N, C-alpha and C. Protein backbone atom coordinates (compact mmCIF):
# COMPACT_ATOMS: atom_id res chain seq x y z
N MET A 1 -26.83 53.00 68.92
CA MET A 1 -27.33 51.52 68.60
C MET A 1 -26.25 50.63 68.78
N CYS A 2 -25.51 50.27 67.65
CA CYS A 2 -24.41 49.41 67.80
C CYS A 2 -23.11 49.93 68.20
N GLN A 3 -23.07 51.22 68.20
CA GLN A 3 -21.77 52.00 68.47
C GLN A 3 -21.23 51.72 69.85
N GLU A 4 -22.02 51.40 70.86
CA GLU A 4 -21.65 51.07 72.19
C GLU A 4 -21.22 49.76 72.16
N ILE A 5 -21.57 48.88 71.35
CA ILE A 5 -21.04 47.53 71.34
C ILE A 5 -19.74 47.40 70.83
N ILE A 6 -19.29 47.95 69.71
CA ILE A 6 -18.05 47.88 69.06
C ILE A 6 -17.08 49.09 69.28
N GLY A 7 -17.57 50.12 69.97
CA GLY A 7 -16.72 51.29 70.42
C GLY A 7 -16.02 51.89 69.21
N GLU A 8 -14.79 51.97 69.09
CA GLU A 8 -14.28 52.68 68.03
C GLU A 8 -13.99 51.93 66.74
N ARG A 9 -14.40 50.69 66.88
CA ARG A 9 -14.28 49.89 65.53
C ARG A 9 -15.16 50.32 64.37
N ALA A 10 -14.80 50.06 63.29
CA ALA A 10 -15.56 50.50 62.06
C ALA A 10 -17.00 49.79 62.10
N LEU A 11 -17.84 50.53 61.49
CA LEU A 11 -19.29 50.11 61.51
C LEU A 11 -19.53 49.39 60.01
N ASN A 12 -18.53 48.83 59.39
CA ASN A 12 -18.76 48.29 58.04
C ASN A 12 -18.72 46.76 57.93
N ILE A 13 -19.76 46.33 57.29
CA ILE A 13 -19.81 44.85 57.14
C ILE A 13 -19.78 44.61 55.71
N VAL A 14 -19.26 43.18 55.45
CA VAL A 14 -19.34 42.67 54.15
C VAL A 14 -20.27 41.62 54.21
N MET A 15 -21.20 41.51 53.42
CA MET A 15 -22.29 40.52 53.33
C MET A 15 -22.24 39.87 51.95
N VAL A 16 -22.12 38.54 51.99
CA VAL A 16 -22.04 37.66 50.90
C VAL A 16 -23.21 36.55 50.73
N GLU A 17 -24.01 36.68 49.65
CA GLU A 17 -25.17 35.81 49.67
C GLU A 17 -25.51 35.80 48.15
N ASP A 18 -25.61 34.54 47.76
CA ASP A 18 -26.14 34.30 46.25
C ASP A 18 -27.52 34.53 45.95
N ASP A 19 -28.33 34.58 46.75
CA ASP A 19 -29.89 34.86 46.80
C ASP A 19 -30.01 36.33 46.77
N ARG A 20 -30.11 36.87 45.79
CA ARG A 20 -30.11 38.40 45.71
C ARG A 20 -31.26 38.92 46.41
N GLU A 21 -32.41 38.36 46.54
CA GLU A 21 -33.50 38.79 47.52
C GLU A 21 -33.18 38.82 48.95
N LEU A 22 -32.57 37.79 49.23
CA LEU A 22 -32.30 37.68 50.72
C LEU A 22 -30.92 38.58 51.03
N LEU A 23 -30.21 38.64 50.06
CA LEU A 23 -28.99 39.77 50.20
C LEU A 23 -29.54 41.19 50.39
N GLU A 24 -30.39 41.49 49.60
CA GLU A 24 -31.01 42.92 49.64
C GLU A 24 -31.69 43.01 51.00
N LEU A 25 -32.51 42.15 51.41
CA LEU A 25 -33.39 42.30 52.61
C LEU A 25 -32.32 42.17 53.81
N SER A 26 -31.52 41.25 53.91
CA SER A 26 -30.50 41.19 55.03
C SER A 26 -29.74 42.41 55.13
N SER A 27 -29.25 43.06 54.02
CA SER A 27 -28.50 44.25 54.04
C SER A 27 -29.40 45.50 54.60
N GLU A 28 -30.58 45.56 54.22
CA GLU A 28 -31.49 46.49 54.78
C GLU A 28 -31.79 46.31 56.18
N ILE A 29 -31.86 45.14 56.57
CA ILE A 29 -32.06 44.82 58.07
C ILE A 29 -30.80 45.34 58.92
N VAL A 30 -29.70 45.02 58.43
CA VAL A 30 -28.37 45.37 59.18
C VAL A 30 -28.31 46.87 59.13
N GLN A 31 -28.68 47.41 58.08
CA GLN A 31 -28.41 49.03 57.91
C GLN A 31 -29.13 49.79 58.94
N THR A 32 -30.36 49.15 59.42
CA THR A 32 -31.17 49.83 60.30
C THR A 32 -30.52 50.00 61.69
N GLU A 33 -29.40 49.42 61.90
CA GLU A 33 -28.42 49.44 63.02
C GLU A 33 -27.34 50.43 62.82
N ASP A 34 -27.37 51.07 61.78
CA ASP A 34 -26.26 52.22 61.50
C ASP A 34 -25.02 51.48 60.89
N PHE A 35 -25.08 50.37 60.38
CA PHE A 35 -23.93 49.65 59.86
C PHE A 35 -23.89 50.14 58.31
N SER A 36 -22.86 50.21 57.78
CA SER A 36 -22.52 50.26 56.41
C SER A 36 -22.27 48.96 55.69
N VAL A 37 -23.13 48.47 54.68
CA VAL A 37 -22.93 47.18 54.19
C VAL A 37 -22.69 47.16 52.81
N GLN A 38 -21.42 46.36 52.58
CA GLN A 38 -21.00 46.22 51.21
C GLN A 38 -21.31 44.68 50.68
N THR A 39 -22.27 44.68 49.82
CA THR A 39 -22.80 43.31 49.32
C THR A 39 -22.24 42.69 48.18
N PHE A 40 -22.21 41.35 48.26
CA PHE A 40 -21.61 40.63 46.98
C PHE A 40 -22.46 39.44 46.81
N SER A 41 -22.58 39.09 45.70
CA SER A 41 -23.46 37.92 45.35
C SER A 41 -22.63 36.63 45.28
N ASN A 42 -21.24 36.76 45.45
CA ASN A 42 -20.42 35.61 45.48
C ASN A 42 -19.17 35.81 46.43
N ALA A 43 -18.68 34.82 46.92
CA ALA A 43 -17.32 34.93 47.69
C ALA A 43 -16.13 35.39 46.95
N TYR A 44 -16.09 34.81 45.70
CA TYR A 44 -15.02 35.18 44.86
C TYR A 44 -15.05 36.66 44.59
N ASP A 45 -15.86 37.36 44.32
CA ASP A 45 -15.86 38.88 44.36
C ASP A 45 -15.70 39.66 45.47
N ALA A 46 -16.18 39.11 46.78
CA ALA A 46 -15.91 39.72 48.03
C ALA A 46 -14.50 39.54 48.39
N LEU A 47 -13.80 38.48 48.20
CA LEU A 47 -12.43 38.47 48.65
C LEU A 47 -11.47 39.60 48.22
N PRO A 48 -11.39 40.24 47.27
CA PRO A 48 -10.49 41.07 46.92
C PRO A 48 -10.89 42.42 47.58
N TYR A 49 -12.22 42.64 47.79
CA TYR A 49 -12.76 43.94 48.81
C TYR A 49 -12.32 43.57 50.15
N ILE A 50 -12.37 42.46 50.74
CA ILE A 50 -12.02 42.17 52.02
C ILE A 50 -10.54 42.33 52.24
N LYS A 51 -9.62 41.89 51.23
CA LYS A 51 -8.21 42.17 51.39
C LYS A 51 -7.91 43.61 51.32
N GLU A 52 -8.59 44.26 50.63
CA GLU A 52 -8.14 45.80 50.32
C GLU A 52 -8.60 46.58 51.67
N HIS A 53 -9.81 46.26 52.19
CA HIS A 53 -10.54 46.96 53.15
C HIS A 53 -10.67 46.38 54.55
N TRP A 54 -9.82 45.23 54.76
CA TRP A 54 -10.12 44.61 56.01
C TRP A 54 -10.05 45.58 57.35
N SER A 55 -9.07 46.55 57.26
CA SER A 55 -8.92 47.34 58.52
C SER A 55 -10.10 48.17 58.88
N HIS A 56 -11.02 48.18 57.89
CA HIS A 56 -12.26 49.03 58.24
C HIS A 56 -13.39 48.26 58.42
N LEU A 57 -13.22 47.05 58.41
CA LEU A 57 -14.34 46.04 58.53
C LEU A 57 -14.67 45.52 60.07
N ALA A 58 -15.81 45.48 60.36
CA ALA A 58 -16.16 44.93 61.69
C ALA A 58 -16.50 43.34 61.51
N LEU A 59 -17.03 43.00 60.31
CA LEU A 59 -17.64 41.69 60.20
C LEU A 59 -17.90 41.23 58.76
N VAL A 60 -17.72 39.99 58.63
CA VAL A 60 -18.12 39.20 57.28
C VAL A 60 -19.20 38.34 57.68
N ILE A 61 -20.32 38.63 56.99
CA ILE A 61 -21.53 37.68 56.99
C ILE A 61 -21.56 36.82 55.61
N THR A 62 -21.56 35.55 55.76
CA THR A 62 -21.62 34.90 54.40
C THR A 62 -22.44 33.56 54.48
N ASP A 63 -23.01 33.47 53.28
CA ASP A 63 -23.79 32.25 53.02
C ASP A 63 -22.75 31.11 52.97
N VAL A 64 -23.10 29.89 53.08
CA VAL A 64 -22.04 28.82 53.05
C VAL A 64 -21.86 28.14 51.53
N ARG A 65 -23.13 27.84 51.09
CA ARG A 65 -23.07 27.19 49.86
C ARG A 65 -23.41 28.23 48.51
N MET A 66 -22.22 28.44 47.83
CA MET A 66 -22.40 29.23 46.94
C MET A 66 -21.58 28.89 45.56
N PRO A 67 -21.90 29.47 44.44
CA PRO A 67 -21.14 28.98 43.21
C PRO A 67 -19.82 29.64 43.22
N LYS A 68 -18.80 29.26 42.57
CA LYS A 68 -17.51 29.74 42.36
C LYS A 68 -16.54 29.50 43.63
N MET A 69 -16.99 30.03 44.73
CA MET A 69 -16.30 29.89 45.96
C MET A 69 -17.46 29.70 47.22
N SER A 70 -17.23 28.78 48.04
CA SER A 70 -18.16 28.69 49.24
C SER A 70 -17.70 29.71 50.13
N GLY A 71 -18.71 29.87 51.27
CA GLY A 71 -18.41 30.85 52.32
C GLY A 71 -17.22 30.16 53.23
N ILE A 72 -17.22 28.84 53.19
CA ILE A 72 -16.07 28.24 53.96
C ILE A 72 -14.83 28.35 53.38
N GLU A 73 -14.75 28.42 52.09
CA GLU A 73 -13.47 28.66 51.27
C GLU A 73 -13.10 30.18 51.50
N LEU A 74 -14.16 31.09 51.52
CA LEU A 74 -13.76 32.46 51.79
C LEU A 74 -13.31 32.52 53.08
N PHE A 75 -13.66 31.98 54.13
CA PHE A 75 -13.23 31.95 55.56
C PHE A 75 -11.73 31.58 55.62
N VAL A 76 -11.51 30.46 55.00
CA VAL A 76 -10.18 29.99 54.99
C VAL A 76 -9.27 30.77 54.38
N LYS A 77 -9.64 31.39 53.31
CA LYS A 77 -8.79 32.56 52.58
C LYS A 77 -8.56 33.77 53.49
N VAL A 78 -9.60 34.17 53.98
CA VAL A 78 -9.42 35.28 55.01
C VAL A 78 -8.48 35.03 56.14
N ARG A 79 -8.64 33.80 56.76
CA ARG A 79 -7.67 33.41 57.75
C ARG A 79 -6.35 33.24 57.24
N GLU A 80 -5.99 32.65 56.03
CA GLU A 80 -4.73 32.52 55.45
C GLU A 80 -4.11 33.91 55.30
N LEU A 81 -4.81 34.96 55.18
CA LEU A 81 -4.31 36.29 55.08
C LEU A 81 -4.02 36.88 56.56
N SER A 82 -4.24 35.98 57.52
CA SER A 82 -3.95 36.46 58.96
C SER A 82 -4.96 37.56 59.26
N LEU A 83 -6.19 37.45 58.76
CA LEU A 83 -7.17 38.54 59.15
C LEU A 83 -8.06 37.84 60.00
N ASP A 84 -8.05 38.49 61.30
CA ASP A 84 -8.79 38.00 62.40
C ASP A 84 -10.38 38.56 62.48
N LEU A 85 -10.84 38.75 61.32
CA LEU A 85 -12.26 39.37 61.31
C LEU A 85 -13.32 38.29 61.81
N PRO A 86 -14.31 38.79 62.46
CA PRO A 86 -15.29 37.92 62.81
C PRO A 86 -16.08 37.47 61.63
N VAL A 87 -16.51 36.15 61.56
CA VAL A 87 -17.09 35.64 60.49
C VAL A 87 -18.70 35.05 60.95
N LEU A 88 -19.71 35.50 60.44
CA LEU A 88 -21.07 35.01 60.70
C LEU A 88 -21.43 34.25 59.52
N PHE A 89 -21.43 32.88 59.49
CA PHE A 89 -22.14 32.02 58.55
C PHE A 89 -23.58 32.04 58.65
N CYS A 90 -24.32 32.12 57.46
CA CYS A 90 -25.64 31.89 57.39
C CYS A 90 -25.99 30.63 56.61
N SER A 91 -26.57 29.55 57.09
CA SER A 91 -26.87 28.46 56.50
C SER A 91 -28.22 27.82 56.82
N GLY A 92 -28.73 27.03 55.94
CA GLY A 92 -30.03 26.22 56.36
C GLY A 92 -29.46 24.96 57.10
N SER A 93 -28.28 24.69 57.21
CA SER A 93 -27.73 23.46 57.95
C SER A 93 -26.76 24.00 58.98
N SER A 94 -26.81 23.35 60.13
CA SER A 94 -25.88 23.60 61.17
C SER A 94 -24.51 22.86 61.11
N ASP A 95 -24.53 21.94 60.01
CA ASP A 95 -23.33 21.07 59.96
C ASP A 95 -21.92 21.92 59.58
N VAL A 96 -22.08 23.17 59.40
CA VAL A 96 -20.93 24.01 58.89
C VAL A 96 -19.98 24.06 60.15
N LEU A 97 -20.61 24.14 61.30
CA LEU A 97 -19.87 24.20 62.53
C LEU A 97 -19.11 22.89 62.94
N ASP A 98 -19.42 21.88 62.14
CA ASP A 98 -18.72 20.64 62.39
C ASP A 98 -17.25 20.67 61.71
N ASN A 99 -17.04 21.62 60.84
CA ASN A 99 -15.71 21.65 60.11
C ASN A 99 -14.74 21.92 61.33
N PRO A 100 -13.72 21.10 61.20
CA PRO A 100 -12.65 21.35 62.39
C PRO A 100 -11.99 22.72 62.31
N VAL A 101 -11.84 23.38 61.00
CA VAL A 101 -11.12 24.63 60.91
C VAL A 101 -12.00 25.58 61.54
N ILE A 102 -13.40 25.49 61.32
CA ILE A 102 -14.26 26.59 61.77
C ILE A 102 -14.57 26.44 63.30
N LYS A 103 -14.79 25.12 63.65
CA LYS A 103 -14.98 24.74 64.97
C LYS A 103 -14.01 25.40 66.09
N SER A 104 -12.84 25.36 65.65
CA SER A 104 -11.84 25.82 66.65
C SER A 104 -11.62 27.32 66.64
N ASP A 105 -12.30 28.06 65.85
CA ASP A 105 -12.12 29.44 65.74
C ASP A 105 -13.24 30.16 66.58
N PRO A 106 -12.95 30.96 67.62
CA PRO A 106 -13.76 31.59 68.47
C PRO A 106 -14.59 32.81 67.73
N ARG A 107 -14.02 33.26 66.72
CA ARG A 107 -14.51 34.46 66.04
C ARG A 107 -15.43 34.04 64.91
N VAL A 108 -16.02 32.86 65.08
CA VAL A 108 -17.12 32.30 64.12
C VAL A 108 -18.40 32.16 64.78
N ASP A 109 -19.58 32.39 64.11
CA ASP A 109 -20.71 32.07 64.60
C ASP A 109 -21.71 31.59 63.46
N LEU A 110 -22.87 31.01 63.74
CA LEU A 110 -23.75 30.49 62.65
C LEU A 110 -25.12 31.02 63.03
N LEU A 111 -25.81 31.48 62.08
CA LEU A 111 -27.12 31.95 61.98
C LEU A 111 -28.06 31.02 61.16
N LYS A 112 -28.75 30.29 61.56
CA LYS A 112 -29.55 29.13 60.88
C LYS A 112 -30.74 29.87 60.02
N LYS A 113 -30.73 29.49 58.63
CA LYS A 113 -31.83 30.10 57.85
C LYS A 113 -32.87 29.11 57.90
N PRO A 114 -34.10 29.58 57.78
CA PRO A 114 -34.45 30.98 57.60
C PRO A 114 -34.51 31.80 59.21
N TYR A 115 -34.26 32.94 59.10
CA TYR A 115 -34.16 33.63 60.30
C TYR A 115 -35.05 34.83 60.25
N PRO A 116 -35.60 35.22 61.29
CA PRO A 116 -36.44 36.51 61.46
C PRO A 116 -35.43 37.65 61.48
N PRO A 117 -35.81 38.94 60.96
CA PRO A 117 -35.00 40.04 61.08
C PRO A 117 -34.51 40.23 62.41
N GLN A 118 -35.23 40.12 63.60
CA GLN A 118 -34.49 40.43 64.74
C GLN A 118 -33.33 39.45 65.16
N ALA A 119 -33.40 38.27 64.70
CA ALA A 119 -32.48 37.31 64.95
C ALA A 119 -31.02 37.68 64.16
N LEU A 120 -31.21 38.22 62.97
CA LEU A 120 -30.00 38.76 62.43
C LEU A 120 -29.35 39.77 63.10
N ILE A 121 -30.11 40.84 63.60
CA ILE A 121 -29.63 41.97 64.30
C ILE A 121 -28.96 41.42 65.57
N ASP A 122 -29.68 40.59 66.35
CA ASP A 122 -29.24 39.93 67.58
C ASP A 122 -27.91 39.31 67.33
N MET A 123 -27.65 38.44 66.33
CA MET A 123 -26.52 37.69 66.16
C MET A 123 -25.37 38.58 65.58
N VAL A 124 -25.62 39.51 64.93
CA VAL A 124 -24.50 40.57 64.51
C VAL A 124 -24.05 41.14 65.96
N LYS A 125 -24.84 41.65 66.77
CA LYS A 125 -24.53 42.37 68.05
C LYS A 125 -23.71 41.21 68.79
N LYS A 126 -24.10 40.09 68.93
CA LYS A 126 -23.58 38.94 69.57
C LYS A 126 -22.12 38.67 69.22
N VAL A 127 -21.90 38.56 67.95
CA VAL A 127 -20.70 38.28 67.28
C VAL A 127 -19.71 39.49 67.46
N LEU A 128 -20.16 40.69 67.33
CA LEU A 128 -19.32 41.87 67.52
C LEU A 128 -19.02 41.99 69.11
N ALA A 129 -19.77 41.58 69.99
CA ALA A 129 -19.48 41.84 71.31
C ALA A 129 -18.51 40.90 71.84
N LYS A 130 -18.10 39.73 71.09
CA LYS A 130 -17.00 38.81 71.53
C LYS A 130 -15.66 39.42 71.63
């Protein structure tokens, strides 16, 4: 399935979403493509996991607006660690891509909420193929 897209890279994804139902559903959708998904309900808790396991991660999928730490703040902290992981933002608003820090990064994409299951799968494949 996705193995041909990312070759020898890990099939591990971190998914961060404060809406538990959406987190569970999105995780299940991505797992149908043979990805292993580590889920977090907030970016604050996801960051230590990303720091420790970054070399085994293929992608970070994150909501933008969350309590404690936003998806944008998570992105900035990941980049401050010099981690070049692709990041897929999921948001009801496309203005996230207007942020100059995000706009200049070729390893970032946006999936607008609400999205159908196939759109999530297609976007994951697109981001990983870059």
